[in-house]
Amino acid sequence: MRQAAITAVCALIWGALSPTLLAQPEAMGADCGCLWGGSFSEVAPATDLIVIGEVRSIKGNAVDLVPEQVLKGAFWLDTLRVWMQTRDYCRPPASHFPAGSRWIMALSEIRKVPEDGFNPSTPNQSFGRPFDYTLSSCGGYWLRVQGKTATGNLVPGMPRFYHEPDMSPVLVDLVEGYIKGTVSSDVLTEASRERPEAVNELILDTRTFLRGQADWLPDDASVEPAEEAVVAP
């Protein structure tokens, strides 16, 4: 019970300490012409590969991703190439995924390249190569990962084409459980609900609870020093 409380409070505090990550950006891909396929929980189960990974580099309109964990499908190489937006392809721009950032991506394998999909004069700007992967912007196909939590267009009811809506960070373990069928969509929805202001204030008032809980913090978060007692992990 104590560990469950720690988990819940740490995930909530992560959001309170990182307001810029939860800011609502502009819609992405709404002008592409594709129909919105749904949130991550709706579109991910039908994709070929779902991984947690860190972006190693950007090359043209592709990113090279270092897989940390495969949640669905099979992949054994050290890196995988994910082709992003160019021309009129309905995909997010590669620049949205800077080197060092971590993501859960639900990917589709390239099985056939269209005739006009590759131009030898611009090899770094193309549809992609066979057996590489693509990331669609026509649904919630990716989630941002910070520490042990994830945010993004995760559950039904979130705004279409808004890939970083205001929400509470959700434990990656819950996302993995959903993909594997051990966690329901209702649990994901409840975990992602935006916090009321009263809860935000409570979290900030109890920030010393995070002492010794570094694994739950995003990389750029900081905790102010406490004046007296510190809660042990």
Protein backbone atom coordinates (compact mmCIF):
# COMPACT_ATOMS: atom_id res chain seq x y z
CA MET A 1 0.00 0.00 0.00
CA ARG A 2 2.84 2.38 0.90
CA GLN A 3 4.60 1.68 -2.40
CA ALA A 4 1.37 2.31 -4.32
CA ALA A 5 1.00 5.67 -2.57
CA ILE A 6 4.60 6.57 -3.41
CA THR A 7 4.02 5.66 -7.05
CA ALA A 8 0.86 7.74 -7.35
CA VAL A 9 2.23 10.82 -5.61
CA CYS A 10 5.53 10.75 -7.55
CA ALA A 11 3.73 10.56 -10.89
CA LEU A 12 1.55 13.52 -9.93
CA ILE A 13 4.49 15.60 -8.72
CA TRP A 14 6.32 14.98 -11.99
CA GLY A 15 3.55 16.88 -13.76
CA ALA A 16 3.52 19.70 -11.25
CA LEU A 17 7.26 20.22 -11.63
CA SER A 18 7.17 20.17 -15.44
CA PRO A 19 4.41 22.56 -16.59
CA THR A 20 6.17 23.38 -19.86
CA LEU A 21 6.06 19.75 -20.97
CA LEU A 22 2.32 19.65 -20.41
CA ALA A 23 1.52 22.86 -22.28
CA GLN A 24 -0.91 22.46 -25.13
CA PRO A 25 0.98 22.92 -28.43
CA GLU A 26 -0.55 23.58 -31.81
CA ALA A 27 -2.35 20.78 -33.61
CA MET A 28 0.01 18.63 -35.69
CA GLY A 29 -1.05 17.02 -38.95
CA ALA A 30 -4.57 18.42 -39.02
CA ASP A 31 -3.96 19.93 -42.46
CA CYS A 32 -2.64 16.70 -43.95
CA GLY A 33 -6.01 15.46 -45.14
CA CYS A 34 -6.05 12.18 -43.24
CA LEU A 35 -8.82 11.16 -40.88
CA TRP A 36 -7.99 11.05 -37.18
CA GLY A 37 -7.62 7.40 -36.24
CA GLY A 38 -7.93 7.84 -32.49
CA SER A 39 -5.81 8.05 -29.37
CA PHE A 40 -2.82 5.84 -28.62
CA SER A 41 -4.99 3.30 -26.85
CA GLU A 42 -7.18 3.06 -29.97
CA VAL A 43 -4.57 2.97 -32.75
CA ALA A 44 -1.54 1.28 -31.19
CA PRO A 45 -2.93 -2.29 -31.02
CA ALA A 46 -3.18 -2.43 -34.83
CA THR A 47 0.43 -1.36 -35.51
CA ASP A 48 3.36 -3.65 -36.31
CA LEU A 49 5.81 -2.62 -33.60
CA ILE A 50 5.54 -0.71 -30.33
CA VAL A 51 8.77 0.26 -28.61
CA ILE A 52 10.12 2.44 -25.85
CA GLY A 53 13.26 4.06 -27.19
CA GLU A 54 15.65 6.99 -27.17
CA VAL A 55 16.42 9.05 -30.25
CA ARG A 56 20.09 8.70 -31.15
CA SER A 57 20.18 11.01 -34.17
CA ILE A 58 18.17 12.69 -36.90
CA LYS A 59 19.04 11.97 -40.53
CA GLY A 60 17.03 13.86 -43.11
CA ASN A 61 13.38 13.07 -42.50
CA ALA A 62 14.20 10.02 -40.35
CA VAL A 63 15.27 9.40 -36.77
CA ASP A 64 17.40 6.54 -35.51
CA LEU A 65 15.85 5.11 -32.37
CA VAL A 66 17.66 2.96 -29.80
CA PRO A 67 15.06 0.51 -28.45
CA GLU A 68 14.92 0.13 -24.68
CA GLN A 69 11.95 -2.23 -24.60
CA VAL A 70 9.73 -3.85 -27.19
CA LEU A 71 6.09 -3.76 -26.07
CA LYS A 72 4.62 -5.38 -29.19
CA GLY A 73 6.13 -7.17 -32.16
CA ALA A 74 9.74 -8.28 -32.58
CA PHE A 75 12.93 -6.32 -33.17
CA TRP A 76 16.50 -7.46 -32.48
CA LEU A 77 18.82 -4.80 -33.95
CA ASP A 78 20.58 -2.12 -31.91
CA THR A 79 18.80 0.73 -33.70
CA LEU A 80 15.74 1.14 -35.85
CA ARG A 81 15.07 3.85 -38.40
CA VAL A 82 11.75 5.66 -38.29
CA TRP A 83 10.83 7.77 -41.31
CA MET A 84 8.95 10.99 -40.63
CA GLN A 85 7.30 13.78 -42.60
CA THR A 86 8.38 14.91 -46.06
CA ARG A 87 6.40 15.84 -49.16
CA ASP A 88 2.72 15.09 -48.47
CA TYR A 89 3.23 12.12 -46.15
CA CYS A 90 1.03 12.34 -43.07
CA ARG A 91 3.77 11.99 -40.48
CA PRO A 92 5.22 14.26 -37.78
CA PRO A 93 8.42 16.22 -38.55
CA ALA A 94 11.67 14.59 -37.48
CA SER A 95 12.58 17.78 -35.61
CA HIS A 96 9.81 17.01 -33.12
CA PHE A 97 11.96 14.17 -31.77
CA PRO A 98 15.33 15.66 -30.75
CA ALA A 99 18.37 13.51 -30.00
CA GLY A 100 18.29 12.23 -26.43
CA SER A 101 14.50 12.38 -26.09
CA ARG A 102 12.60 9.22 -25.16
CA TRP A 103 9.31 8.00 -26.60
CA ILE A 104 6.84 5.20 -26.88
CA MET A 105 6.19 4.82 -30.61
CA ALA A 106 3.58 2.68 -32.35
CA LEU A 107 5.10 2.01 -35.78
CA SER A 108 4.17 0.57 -39.14
CA GLU A 109 6.69 -1.45 -41.12
CA ILE A 110 7.53 -0.38 -44.67
CA ARG A 111 6.84 -3.40 -46.84
CA LYS A 112 6.88 -1.69 -50.24
CA VAL A 113 8.22 1.67 -51.37
CA PRO A 114 6.03 3.49 -53.95
CA GLU A 115 7.59 4.25 -57.33
CA ASP A 116 8.03 7.92 -56.50
CA GLY A 117 9.09 7.25 -52.90
CA PHE A 118 12.84 7.54 -53.45
CA ASN A 119 14.92 10.13 -55.27
CA PRO A 120 18.66 9.30 -55.58
CA SER A 121 19.50 13.00 -55.46
CA THR A 122 17.85 13.37 -52.03
CA PRO A 123 18.46 10.03 -50.27
CA ASN A 124 17.90 11.55 -46.82
CA GLN A 125 14.45 12.79 -47.82
CA SER A 126 12.29 9.91 -48.94
CA PHE A 127 9.35 7.65 -48.20
CA GLY A 128 11.72 5.26 -46.45
CA ARG A 129 13.41 1.91 -47.00
CA PRO A 130 11.83 -1.55 -46.96
CA PHE A 131 11.76 -3.07 -43.48
CA ASP A 132 12.28 0.31 -41.82
CA TYR A 133 9.32 1.90 -40.04
CA THR A 134 7.05 4.94 -40.33
CA LEU A 135 5.25 7.00 -37.70
CA SER A 136 1.82 8.40 -38.56
CA SER A 137 0.44 11.75 -37.41
CA CYS A 138 -3.14 10.60 -38.06
CA GLY A 139 -3.60 9.37 -34.50
CA GLY A 140 -1.92 9.25 -31.12
CA TYR A 141 0.90 7.05 -32.34
CA TRP A 142 3.53 8.35 -29.93
CA LEU A 143 3.90 9.25 -26.27
CA ARG A 144 6.66 11.30 -24.67
CA VAL A 145 8.54 9.42 -21.93
CA GLN A 146 10.15 11.13 -18.94
CA GLY A 147 11.58 8.92 -16.24
CA LYS A 148 9.01 6.20 -15.62
CA THR A 149 6.00 8.12 -16.93
CA ALA A 150 4.49 9.00 -20.30
CA THR A 151 2.25 11.74 -21.70
CA GLY A 152 0.49 12.20 -25.01
CA ASN A 153 -2.80 11.62 -26.79
CA LEU A 154 -3.33 8.46 -24.80
CA VAL A 155 -7.04 7.79 -24.34
CA PRO A 156 -10.35 8.46 -26.15
CA GLY A 157 -11.80 11.93 -25.71
CA MET A 158 -8.55 13.86 -26.05
CA PRO A 159 -8.51 16.58 -28.77
CA ARG A 160 -7.88 15.35 -32.28
CA PHE A 161 -4.41 16.10 -33.72
CA TYR A 162 -3.21 17.42 -30.35
CA HIS A 163 -0.40 15.06 -29.43
CA GLU A 164 0.54 16.60 -26.09
CA PRO A 165 -2.76 17.48 -24.39
CA ASP A 166 -2.97 18.55 -20.77
CA MET A 167 -3.06 15.39 -18.67
CA SER A 168 -1.51 13.72 -15.67
CA PRO A 169 1.58 11.67 -16.52
CA VAL A 170 0.79 7.95 -16.65
CA LEU A 171 3.18 5.25 -15.52
CA VAL A 172 4.85 3.47 -18.42
CA ASP A 173 3.99 0.22 -16.66
CA LEU A 174 0.29 1.01 -17.11
CA VAL A 175 0.77 1.65 -20.82
CA GLU A 176 2.66 -1.63 -21.14
CA GLY A 177 -0.09 -3.41 -19.22
CA TYR A 178 -2.72 -2.01 -21.56
CA ILE A 179 -0.83 -3.19 -24.63
CA LYS A 180 -0.45 -6.65 -23.09
CA GLY A 181 -4.11 -6.80 -22.07
CA THR A 182 -3.67 -6.70 -18.30
CA VAL A 183 -4.81 -3.08 -17.83
CA SER A 184 -8.16 -1.75 -19.06
CA SER A 185 -8.78 1.45 -21.02
CA ASP A 186 -10.81 2.71 -18.05
CA VAL A 187 -7.71 2.50 -15.84
CA LEU A 188 -5.68 4.46 -18.39
CA THR A 189 -8.38 7.11 -18.65
CA GLU A 190 -8.61 7.54 -14.88
CA ALA A 191 -4.82 7.75 -14.54
CA SER A 192 -4.57 10.43 -17.24
CA ARG A 193 -7.21 12.79 -15.88
CA GLU A 194 -5.99 16.37 -15.52
CA ARG A 195 -5.47 17.32 -11.89
CA PRO A 196 -7.67 19.90 -10.15
CA GLU A 197 -5.85 22.97 -8.77
CA ALA A 198 -6.30 21.76 -5.19
CA VAL A 199 -4.30 18.65 -5.97
CA ASN A 200 -1.55 20.72 -7.61
CA GLU A 201 -1.24 22.81 -4.45
CA LEU A 202 -1.09 19.72 -2.27
CA ILE A 203 1.66 18.25 -4.44
CA LEU A 204 3.75 21.40 -4.25
CA ASP A 205 3.28 21.60 -0.48
CA THR A 206 4.63 18.05 -0.12
CA ARG A 207 7.54 18.27 -2.60
CA THR A 208 10.02 17.10 0.06
CA PHE A 209 8.44 13.67 -0.38
CA LEU A 210 10.50 13.39 -3.56
CA ARG A 211 13.80 13.27 -1.72
CA GLY A 212 15.46 10.03 -2.74
CA GLN A 213 12.92 9.45 -5.54
CA ALA A 214 15.07 10.62 -8.47
CA ASP A 215 13.95 7.79 -10.74
CA TRP A 216 10.48 9.30 -10.86
CA LEU A 217 11.61 12.76 -11.95
CA PRO A 218 12.08 13.98 -15.54
CA ASP A 219 15.66 14.76 -16.45
CA ASP A 220 15.20 18.54 -16.21
CA ALA A 221 13.20 18.62 -12.94
CA SER A 222 14.57 19.92 -9.68
CA VAL A 223 13.38 19.75 -6.09
CA GLU A 224 13.77 22.64 -3.70
CA PRO A 225 15.68 21.83 -0.48
CA ALA A 226 13.59 21.12 2.59
CA GLU A 227 14.20 23.01 5.82
CA GLU A 228 13.97 20.08 8.20
CA ALA A 229 12.74 16.51 7.98
CA VAL A 230 13.13 14.41 4.86
CA VAL A 231 10.87 11.48 4.08
CA ALA A 232 12.91 8.36 3.43
CA PRO A 233 12.26 6.41 0.21
